Amino acid sequence: MVASQLRSHVFNKKELSSDTKLAIHSSIFRPTILYGSESWVDCEYLVHDLEVSDMRVLRRIAGVNRREQWDNHIRNDDIRENLRVSSVEEAARVSRLRWFGHVQRMRDDRLPKRILSAEVPGVRLRGRPRRRFIDSIRSDLEVRGLGLDDQTIISLANDRVAWRGVVHA
């Protein structure tokens, strides 16, 4: 609903500058589609659908339609680079890492920290194990070139300044 209203009232308007459209994109559209992303376990289909929606808006802001993009071999990364906007996947990764560091610095009796470190009793069902939040954190750190073990990740997250450097690297 929000996307269609923004498209008709903002992104399709020729009277508005691309800077104004980008400001609305970064203050309304992007937070709406990334709501709750700090607790997501990264899954390909969800990120792909959000990237498609985001690129549709960014193409409108850049003034490039899908046909022009195809004919002129314009890559999505080039459009993002020209508009100085990061991908949805990277924005979700940053919010997930920021939230993980925040939870790690909490006292041990706080509910979010207890939930994050909880172990489920019993035997799991047959098949591939489900992807956990900590697995997403590990893969996010590997994307940043940090293949660390769990204890190193936790000690790094407890140092706020060092963790901020990892999150925004």
N, C-alpha and C. Protein backbone atom coordinates (compact mmCIF):
# COMPACT_ATOMS: atom_id res chain seq x y z
N MET A 1 0.82 -1.19 0.00
CA MET A 1 0.00 0.00 0.00
C MET A 1 0.87 1.26 0.00
N VAL A 2 1.86 1.27 0.87
CA VAL A 2 2.73 2.44 0.97
C VAL A 2 3.48 2.65 -0.34
N ALA A 3 3.97 1.57 -0.94
CA ALA A 3 4.77 1.70 -2.17
C ALA A 3 3.94 2.28 -3.30
N SER A 4 2.70 1.82 -3.43
CA SER A 4 1.87 2.33 -4.53
C SER A 4 1.50 3.79 -4.30
N GLN A 5 1.25 4.18 -3.06
CA GLN A 5 0.94 5.58 -2.78
C GLN A 5 2.15 6.47 -3.00
N LEU A 6 3.33 5.99 -2.56
CA LEU A 6 4.54 6.77 -2.80
C LEU A 6 4.85 6.86 -4.29
N ARG A 7 4.60 5.79 -5.02
CA ARG A 7 4.87 5.80 -6.45
C ARG A 7 4.01 6.84 -7.15
N SER A 8 2.72 6.87 -6.83
CA SER A 8 1.85 7.80 -7.54
C SER A 8 2.01 9.24 -7.07
N HIS A 9 2.32 9.46 -5.78
CA HIS A 9 2.39 10.82 -5.26
C HIS A 9 3.79 11.40 -5.20
N VAL A 10 4.82 10.56 -5.29
CA VAL A 10 6.18 11.07 -5.15
C VAL A 10 7.07 10.65 -6.32
N PHE A 11 7.26 9.36 -6.49
CA PHE A 11 8.28 8.87 -7.42
C PHE A 11 7.93 9.10 -8.89
N ASN A 12 6.65 9.23 -9.23
CA ASN A 12 6.27 9.50 -10.62
C ASN A 12 6.21 11.00 -10.94
N LYS A 13 6.36 11.85 -9.96
CA LYS A 13 6.22 13.29 -10.17
C LYS A 13 7.49 13.86 -10.80
N LYS A 14 7.33 14.52 -11.92
CA LYS A 14 8.47 15.17 -12.60
C LYS A 14 8.89 16.45 -11.88
N GLU A 15 7.96 17.04 -11.10
CA GLU A 15 8.25 18.30 -10.45
C GLU A 15 9.25 18.16 -9.30
N LEU A 16 9.35 16.96 -8.73
CA LEU A 16 10.24 16.74 -7.60
C LEU A 16 11.64 16.37 -8.09
N SER A 17 12.65 16.87 -7.42
CA SER A 17 14.02 16.55 -7.81
C SER A 17 14.38 15.15 -7.33
N SER A 18 15.42 14.60 -7.91
CA SER A 18 15.85 13.25 -7.51
C SER A 18 16.37 13.27 -6.08
N ASP A 19 16.93 14.39 -5.62
CA ASP A 19 17.39 14.48 -4.23
C ASP A 19 16.22 14.38 -3.26
N THR A 20 15.11 15.01 -3.60
CA THR A 20 13.91 14.93 -2.76
C THR A 20 13.36 13.52 -2.75
N LYS A 21 13.33 12.89 -3.92
CA LYS A 21 12.85 11.52 -4.01
C LYS A 21 13.75 10.57 -3.24
N LEU A 22 15.06 10.78 -3.30
CA LEU A 22 15.99 9.95 -2.53
C LEU A 22 15.81 10.14 -1.04
N ALA A 23 15.55 11.37 -0.61
CA ALA A 23 15.31 11.63 0.81
C ALA A 23 14.07 10.90 1.28
N ILE A 24 13.02 10.89 0.47
CA ILE A 24 11.80 10.18 0.83
C ILE A 24 12.04 8.67 0.80
N HIS A 25 12.82 8.22 -0.17
CA HIS A 25 13.17 6.80 -0.25
C HIS A 25 13.90 6.35 1.01
N SER A 26 14.87 7.15 1.46
CA SER A 26 15.67 6.74 2.62
C SER A 26 14.95 6.96 3.95
N SER A 27 13.96 7.84 3.99
CA SER A 27 13.29 8.10 5.26
C SER A 27 11.95 7.38 5.42
N ILE A 28 11.31 7.00 4.31
CA ILE A 28 10.01 6.34 4.42
C ILE A 28 10.03 4.94 3.82
N PHE A 29 10.44 4.83 2.56
CA PHE A 29 10.33 3.55 1.86
C PHE A 29 11.28 2.51 2.43
N ARG A 30 12.56 2.84 2.53
CA ARG A 30 13.56 1.87 3.00
C ARG A 30 13.28 1.39 4.42
N PRO A 31 12.98 2.27 5.40
CA PRO A 31 12.66 1.77 6.74
C PRO A 31 11.40 0.89 6.77
N THR A 32 10.47 1.17 5.88
CA THR A 32 9.24 0.36 5.85
C THR A 32 9.53 -1.06 5.40
N ILE A 33 10.33 -1.23 4.33
CA ILE A 33 10.59 -2.59 3.86
C ILE A 33 11.60 -3.32 4.73
N LEU A 34 12.40 -2.57 5.50
CA LEU A 34 13.39 -3.22 6.36
C LEU A 34 12.95 -3.30 7.82
N TYR A 35 11.68 -3.04 8.07
CA TYR A 35 11.19 -3.07 9.45
C TYR A 35 11.42 -4.46 10.05
N GLY A 36 12.09 -4.51 11.18
CA GLY A 36 12.35 -5.77 11.86
C GLY A 36 13.52 -6.55 11.30
N SER A 37 14.29 -5.97 10.38
CA SER A 37 15.37 -6.73 9.73
C SER A 37 16.49 -7.10 10.69
N GLU A 38 16.57 -6.43 11.85
CA GLU A 38 17.62 -6.78 12.78
C GLU A 38 17.44 -8.17 13.37
N SER A 39 16.24 -8.70 13.32
CA SER A 39 16.02 -10.04 13.88
C SER A 39 15.79 -11.10 12.81
N TRP A 40 15.94 -10.75 11.53
CA TRP A 40 15.74 -11.72 10.46
C TRP A 40 16.88 -12.72 10.41
N VAL A 41 16.53 -13.94 10.11
CA VAL A 41 17.52 -14.92 9.69
C VAL A 41 17.54 -14.80 8.18
N ASP A 42 18.69 -14.47 7.61
CA ASP A 42 18.73 -14.14 6.18
C ASP A 42 18.30 -15.33 5.33
N CYS A 43 17.36 -15.07 4.47
CA CYS A 43 16.90 -16.08 3.53
C CYS A 43 16.83 -15.45 2.14
N GLU A 44 17.22 -16.22 1.15
CA GLU A 44 17.40 -15.71 -0.20
C GLU A 44 16.13 -15.12 -0.79
N TYR A 45 15.01 -15.83 -0.66
CA TYR A 45 13.79 -15.38 -1.33
C TYR A 45 13.28 -14.06 -0.76
N LEU A 46 13.41 -13.85 0.53
CA LEU A 46 12.94 -12.62 1.14
C LEU A 46 13.80 -11.44 0.68
N VAL A 47 15.11 -11.60 0.73
CA VAL A 47 16.01 -10.53 0.32
C VAL A 47 15.82 -10.23 -1.17
N HIS A 48 15.64 -11.27 -1.98
CA HIS A 48 15.45 -11.06 -3.42
C HIS A 48 14.18 -10.24 -3.69
N ASP A 49 13.08 -10.58 -3.04
CA ASP A 49 11.83 -9.85 -3.25
C ASP A 49 11.97 -8.38 -2.83
N LEU A 50 12.67 -8.14 -1.73
CA LEU A 50 12.86 -6.76 -1.28
C LEU A 50 13.80 -6.00 -2.21
N GLU A 51 14.82 -6.68 -2.74
CA GLU A 51 15.73 -6.03 -3.70
C GLU A 51 14.98 -5.63 -4.97
N VAL A 52 14.08 -6.49 -5.43
CA VAL A 52 13.30 -6.19 -6.63
C VAL A 52 12.46 -4.93 -6.40
N SER A 53 11.79 -4.89 -5.26
CA SER A 53 10.95 -3.74 -4.94
C SER A 53 11.78 -2.46 -4.82
N ASP A 54 12.92 -2.56 -4.16
CA ASP A 54 13.78 -1.41 -3.98
C ASP A 54 14.35 -0.93 -5.32
N MET A 55 14.76 -1.84 -6.18
CA MET A 55 15.32 -1.45 -7.47
C MET A 55 14.26 -0.80 -8.36
N ARG A 56 13.02 -1.23 -8.23
CA ARG A 56 11.95 -0.60 -9.00
C ARG A 56 11.84 0.88 -8.63
N VAL A 57 11.93 1.17 -7.35
CA VAL A 57 11.86 2.55 -6.89
C VAL A 57 13.12 3.32 -7.31
N LEU A 58 14.28 2.71 -7.17
CA LEU A 58 15.52 3.40 -7.54
C LEU A 58 15.60 3.69 -9.03
N ARG A 59 15.06 2.79 -9.86
CA ARG A 59 15.01 3.05 -11.30
C ARG A 59 14.13 4.26 -11.59
N ARG A 60 13.00 4.37 -10.90
CA ARG A 60 12.12 5.52 -11.10
C ARG A 60 12.81 6.81 -10.68
N ILE A 61 13.55 6.76 -9.58
CA ILE A 61 14.26 7.95 -9.12
C ILE A 61 15.34 8.35 -10.12
N ALA A 62 16.05 7.35 -10.66
CA ALA A 62 17.14 7.62 -11.61
C ALA A 62 16.62 7.98 -12.99
N GLY A 63 15.34 7.75 -13.24
CA GLY A 63 14.77 8.07 -14.55
C GLY A 63 15.10 7.05 -15.61
N VAL A 64 15.34 5.82 -15.21
CA VAL A 64 15.67 4.74 -16.15
C VAL A 64 14.56 3.72 -16.10
N ASN A 65 13.97 3.42 -17.26
CA ASN A 65 12.97 2.36 -17.25
C ASN A 65 13.65 1.03 -17.55
N ARG A 66 12.92 -0.04 -17.37
CA ARG A 66 13.49 -1.38 -17.49
C ARG A 66 14.02 -1.64 -18.90
N ARG A 67 13.34 -1.14 -19.90
CA ARG A 67 13.76 -1.35 -21.29
C ARG A 67 15.08 -0.63 -21.58
N GLU A 68 15.20 0.62 -21.13
CA GLU A 68 16.45 1.36 -21.30
C GLU A 68 17.59 0.67 -20.57
N GLN A 69 17.30 0.16 -19.41
CA GLN A 69 18.33 -0.53 -18.63
C GLN A 69 18.83 -1.75 -19.40
N TRP A 70 17.92 -2.49 -20.00
CA TRP A 70 18.30 -3.68 -20.76
C TRP A 70 19.07 -3.31 -22.02
N ASP A 71 18.57 -2.35 -22.79
CA ASP A 71 19.20 -1.96 -24.06
C ASP A 71 20.59 -1.36 -23.86
N ASN A 72 20.77 -0.58 -22.80
CA ASN A 72 22.04 0.10 -22.56
C ASN A 72 22.98 -0.66 -21.62
N HIS A 73 22.59 -1.87 -21.23
CA HIS A 73 23.39 -2.72 -20.34
C HIS A 73 23.75 -2.01 -19.04
N ILE A 74 22.77 -1.37 -18.44
CA ILE A 74 22.97 -0.68 -17.17
C ILE A 74 22.71 -1.68 -16.05
N ARG A 75 23.70 -1.88 -15.21
CA ARG A 75 23.56 -2.83 -14.12
C ARG A 75 22.88 -2.16 -12.92
N ASN A 76 22.22 -2.98 -12.10
CA ASN A 76 21.58 -2.46 -10.89
C ASN A 76 22.61 -1.79 -9.98
N ASP A 77 23.80 -2.39 -9.90
CA ASP A 77 24.86 -1.82 -9.06
C ASP A 77 25.25 -0.43 -9.53
N ASP A 78 25.23 -0.21 -10.86
CA ASP A 78 25.56 1.11 -11.38
C ASP A 78 24.52 2.15 -10.97
N ILE A 79 23.26 1.77 -10.99
CA ILE A 79 22.19 2.69 -10.56
C ILE A 79 22.35 3.01 -9.08
N ARG A 80 22.60 1.98 -8.26
CA ARG A 80 22.80 2.20 -6.83
C ARG A 80 24.02 3.10 -6.57
N GLU A 81 25.09 2.85 -7.33
CA GLU A 81 26.30 3.65 -7.16
C GLU A 81 26.07 5.11 -7.53
N ASN A 82 25.36 5.34 -8.62
CA ASN A 82 25.07 6.72 -9.04
C ASN A 82 24.20 7.45 -8.01
N LEU A 83 23.29 6.73 -7.39
CA LEU A 83 22.41 7.34 -6.39
C LEU A 83 23.01 7.29 -4.99
N ARG A 84 24.16 6.62 -4.84
CA ARG A 84 24.84 6.46 -3.55
C ARG A 84 23.94 5.80 -2.51
N VAL A 85 23.36 4.65 -2.89
CA VAL A 85 22.47 3.90 -2.03
C VAL A 85 23.00 2.48 -1.93
N SER A 86 23.02 1.93 -0.73
CA SER A 86 23.47 0.55 -0.56
C SER A 86 22.33 -0.42 -0.88
N SER A 87 22.67 -1.67 -1.04
CA SER A 87 21.65 -2.67 -1.35
C SER A 87 20.82 -2.97 -0.10
N VAL A 88 19.67 -3.55 -0.30
CA VAL A 88 18.79 -3.94 0.80
C VAL A 88 19.49 -5.01 1.64
N GLU A 89 20.18 -5.91 0.98
CA GLU A 89 20.89 -6.98 1.70
C GLU A 89 21.93 -6.39 2.64
N GLU A 90 22.68 -5.40 2.18
CA GLU A 90 23.71 -4.77 3.02
C GLU A 90 23.06 -4.00 4.16
N ALA A 91 21.96 -3.32 3.90
CA ALA A 91 21.27 -2.57 4.97
C ALA A 91 20.73 -3.53 6.03
N ALA A 92 20.20 -4.67 5.61
CA ALA A 92 19.72 -5.68 6.57
C ALA A 92 20.89 -6.26 7.35
N ARG A 93 22.00 -6.47 6.68
CA ARG A 93 23.20 -7.01 7.34
C ARG A 93 23.69 -6.04 8.41
N VAL A 94 23.73 -4.75 8.10
CA VAL A 94 24.18 -3.75 9.07
C VAL A 94 23.26 -3.72 10.28
N SER A 95 21.96 -3.73 10.06
CA SER A 95 21.03 -3.67 11.19
C SER A 95 21.10 -4.94 12.03
N ARG A 96 21.31 -6.09 11.38
CA ARG A 96 21.42 -7.36 12.12
C ARG A 96 22.68 -7.36 12.99
N LEU A 97 23.81 -6.93 12.43
CA LEU A 97 25.05 -6.89 13.20
C LEU A 97 24.97 -5.86 14.32
N ARG A 98 24.35 -4.73 14.06
CA ARG A 98 24.21 -3.71 15.09
C ARG A 98 23.37 -4.24 16.26
N TRP A 99 22.28 -4.94 15.93
CA TRP A 99 21.41 -5.50 16.98
C TRP A 99 22.13 -6.58 17.76
N PHE A 100 22.90 -7.42 17.08
CA PHE A 100 23.63 -8.49 17.76
C PHE A 100 24.62 -7.89 18.77
N GLY A 101 25.36 -6.86 18.38
CA GLY A 101 26.28 -6.22 19.31
C GLY A 101 25.55 -5.61 20.49
N HIS A 102 24.40 -5.01 20.23
CA HIS A 102 23.60 -4.41 21.31
C HIS A 102 23.16 -5.48 22.30
N VAL A 103 22.68 -6.61 21.81
CA VAL A 103 22.21 -7.68 22.68
C VAL A 103 23.38 -8.29 23.45
N GLN A 104 24.52 -8.45 22.82
CA GLN A 104 25.68 -9.03 23.51
C GLN A 104 26.16 -8.16 24.66
N ARG A 105 25.97 -6.85 24.57
CA ARG A 105 26.41 -5.96 25.64
C ARG A 105 25.38 -5.83 26.76
N MET A 106 24.22 -6.48 26.61
CA MET A 106 23.19 -6.43 27.66
C MET A 106 23.61 -7.28 28.85
N ARG A 107 22.98 -7.02 29.99
CA ARG A 107 23.18 -7.88 31.17
C ARG A 107 22.61 -9.27 30.87
N ASP A 108 23.13 -10.27 31.57
CA ASP A 108 22.72 -11.65 31.30
C ASP A 108 21.28 -11.94 31.68
N ASP A 109 20.67 -11.15 32.55
CA ASP A 109 19.31 -11.41 32.97
C ASP A 109 18.26 -10.80 32.04
N ARG A 110 18.67 -10.02 31.04
CA ARG A 110 17.73 -9.41 30.10
C ARG A 110 17.16 -10.46 29.16
N LEU A 111 15.88 -10.34 28.83
CA LEU A 111 15.19 -11.33 28.00
C LEU A 111 15.79 -11.51 26.61
N PRO A 112 16.12 -10.43 25.86
CA PRO A 112 16.69 -10.66 24.53
C PRO A 112 17.98 -11.47 24.57
N LYS A 113 18.83 -11.23 25.56
CA LYS A 113 20.08 -11.97 25.65
C LYS A 113 19.81 -13.41 26.05
N ARG A 114 18.85 -13.65 26.92
CA ARG A 114 18.51 -15.03 27.30
C ARG A 114 17.96 -15.79 26.10
N ILE A 115 17.14 -15.13 25.28
CA ILE A 115 16.58 -15.79 24.10
C ILE A 115 17.66 -16.09 23.07
N LEU A 116 18.58 -15.15 22.89
CA LEU A 116 19.65 -15.34 21.91
C LEU A 116 20.55 -16.50 22.28
N SER A 117 20.82 -16.68 23.56
CA SER A 117 21.73 -17.74 23.99
C SER A 117 21.01 -19.01 24.43
N ALA A 118 19.70 -19.09 24.22
CA ALA A 118 18.93 -20.26 24.67
C ALA A 118 19.21 -21.48 23.79
N GLU A 119 19.15 -22.62 24.40
CA GLU A 119 19.28 -23.90 23.70
C GLU A 119 17.93 -24.62 23.78
N VAL A 120 17.50 -25.18 22.67
CA VAL A 120 16.23 -25.89 22.63
C VAL A 120 16.48 -27.34 23.01
N PRO A 121 15.78 -27.84 24.03
CA PRO A 121 16.00 -29.23 24.44
C PRO A 121 15.32 -30.19 23.47
N GLY A 122 15.80 -31.42 23.48
CA GLY A 122 15.18 -32.45 22.67
C GLY A 122 15.97 -32.75 21.41
N VAL A 123 15.40 -33.62 20.60
CA VAL A 123 16.04 -34.06 19.37
C VAL A 123 15.37 -33.34 18.20
N ARG A 124 16.17 -32.84 17.30
CA ARG A 124 15.59 -32.14 16.15
C ARG A 124 15.05 -33.16 15.15
N LEU A 125 14.17 -32.69 14.29
CA LEU A 125 13.56 -33.54 13.29
C LEU A 125 14.57 -33.88 12.19
N ARG A 126 14.19 -34.83 11.36
CA ARG A 126 15.03 -35.22 10.24
C ARG A 126 15.18 -34.09 9.25
N GLY A 127 16.26 -34.12 8.49
CA GLY A 127 16.46 -33.13 7.45
C GLY A 127 17.53 -32.12 7.81
N ARG A 128 17.67 -31.16 6.94
CA ARG A 128 18.68 -30.14 7.15
C ARG A 128 18.32 -29.29 8.36
N PRO A 129 19.31 -28.94 9.20
CA PRO A 129 19.01 -28.07 10.34
C PRO A 129 18.55 -26.70 9.87
N ARG A 130 17.64 -26.12 10.60
CA ARG A 130 17.15 -24.78 10.25
C ARG A 130 18.23 -23.76 10.51
N ARG A 131 18.24 -22.72 9.71
CA ARG A 131 19.25 -21.67 9.85
C ARG A 131 18.92 -20.84 11.08
N ARG A 132 19.93 -20.62 11.92
CA ARG A 132 19.75 -19.89 13.15
C ARG A 132 20.26 -18.46 13.00
N PHE A 133 19.90 -17.62 13.95
CA PHE A 133 20.33 -16.22 13.92
C PHE A 133 21.85 -16.13 13.98
N ILE A 134 22.47 -16.93 14.82
CA ILE A 134 23.93 -16.88 14.94
C ILE A 134 24.61 -17.31 13.64
N ASP A 135 23.95 -18.19 12.87
CA ASP A 135 24.49 -18.56 11.56
C ASP A 135 24.48 -17.37 10.61
N SER A 136 23.44 -16.57 10.70
CA SER A 136 23.37 -15.36 9.89
C SER A 136 24.46 -14.37 10.29
N ILE A 137 24.72 -14.26 11.57
CA ILE A 137 25.77 -13.35 12.06
C ILE A 137 27.13 -13.84 11.54
N ARG A 138 27.37 -15.15 11.62
CA ARG A 138 28.63 -15.69 11.11
C ARG A 138 28.80 -15.39 9.63
N SER A 139 27.75 -15.60 8.83
CA SER A 139 27.87 -15.35 7.40
C SER A 139 28.03 -13.86 7.11
N ASP A 140 27.38 -12.99 7.92
CA ASP A 140 27.56 -11.55 7.76
C ASP A 140 29.00 -11.15 8.02
N LEU A 141 29.61 -11.76 9.03
CA LEU A 141 31.01 -11.46 9.33
C LEU A 141 31.95 -12.02 8.27
N GLU A 142 31.60 -13.16 7.69
CA GLU A 142 32.42 -13.72 6.62
C GLU A 142 32.39 -12.83 5.38
N VAL A 143 31.23 -12.21 5.11
CA VAL A 143 31.14 -11.27 3.99
C VAL A 143 32.10 -10.10 4.22
N ARG A 144 32.28 -9.72 5.47
CA ARG A 144 33.20 -8.64 5.81
C ARG A 144 34.65 -9.11 5.94
N GLY A 145 34.88 -10.40 5.67
CA GLY A 145 36.24 -10.95 5.71
C GLY A 145 36.70 -11.38 7.09
N LEU A 146 35.76 -11.60 7.99
CA LEU A 146 36.09 -12.02 9.35
C LEU A 146 35.52 -13.40 9.63
N GLY A 147 36.32 -14.43 9.47
CA GLY A 147 35.88 -15.78 9.80
C GLY A 147 36.30 -16.09 11.23
N LEU A 148 35.48 -15.72 12.19
CA LEU A 148 35.84 -15.83 13.60
C LEU A 148 35.03 -16.92 14.29
N ASP A 149 35.59 -17.45 15.40
CA ASP A 149 34.83 -18.41 16.20
C ASP A 149 33.89 -17.65 17.12
N ASP A 150 32.98 -18.38 17.77
CA ASP A 150 31.92 -17.74 18.56
C ASP A 150 32.46 -16.89 19.71
N GLN A 151 33.48 -17.37 20.42
CA GLN A 151 34.01 -16.61 21.55
C GLN A 151 34.66 -15.30 21.10
N THR A 152 35.35 -15.34 19.97
CA THR A 152 35.97 -14.12 19.45
C THR A 152 34.90 -13.13 19.01
N ILE A 153 33.83 -13.63 18.39
CA ILE A 153 32.74 -12.76 17.96
C ILE A 153 32.11 -12.07 19.18
N ILE A 154 31.87 -12.83 20.24
CA ILE A 154 31.24 -12.27 21.44
C ILE A 154 32.16 -11.26 22.11
N SER A 155 33.45 -11.56 22.20
CA SER A 155 34.37 -10.60 22.83
C SER A 155 34.51 -9.33 21.98
N LEU A 156 34.48 -9.49 20.66
CA LEU A 156 34.54 -8.33 19.77
C LEU A 156 33.27 -7.48 19.90
N ALA A 157 32.11 -8.14 20.04
CA ALA A 157 30.85 -7.42 20.17
C ALA A 157 30.76 -6.67 21.49
N ASN A 158 31.45 -7.15 22.52
CA ASN A 158 31.43 -6.46 23.81
C ASN A 158 32.23 -5.17 23.79
N ASP A 159 33.14 -5.02 22.84
CA ASP A 159 33.88 -3.77 22.68
C ASP A 159 33.12 -2.91 21.67
N ARG A 160 32.41 -1.91 22.15
CA ARG A 160 31.50 -1.13 21.32
C ARG A 160 32.20 -0.45 20.15
N VAL A 161 33.34 0.14 20.37
CA VAL A 161 34.05 0.88 19.32
C VAL A 161 34.54 -0.08 18.23
N ALA A 162 35.12 -1.21 18.65
CA ALA A 162 35.60 -2.19 17.66
C ALA A 162 34.43 -2.79 16.88
N TRP A 163 33.32 -3.05 17.58
CA TRP A 163 32.16 -3.64 16.89
C TRP A 163 31.56 -2.67 15.89
N ARG A 164 31.53 -1.39 16.23
CA ARG A 164 31.02 -0.39 15.31
C ARG A 164 31.86 -0.36 14.04
N GLY A 165 33.16 -0.55 14.18
CA GLY A 165 34.03 -0.63 13.01
C GLY A 165 33.73 -1.84 12.15
N VAL A 166 33.37 -2.96 12.78
CA VAL A 166 33.01 -4.16 12.02
C VAL A 166 31.68 -3.97 11.32
N VAL A 167 30.71 -3.38 12.01
CA VAL A 167 29.38 -3.21 11.44
C VAL A 167 29.41 -2.29 10.23
N HIS A 168 30.14 -1.20 10.30
CA HIS A 168 30.13 -0.20 9.24
C HIS A 168 31.33 -0.32 8.31
N ALA A 169 32.01 -1.47 8.32
CA ALA A 169 33.18 -1.67 7.44
C ALA A 169 32.75 -1.75 5.99
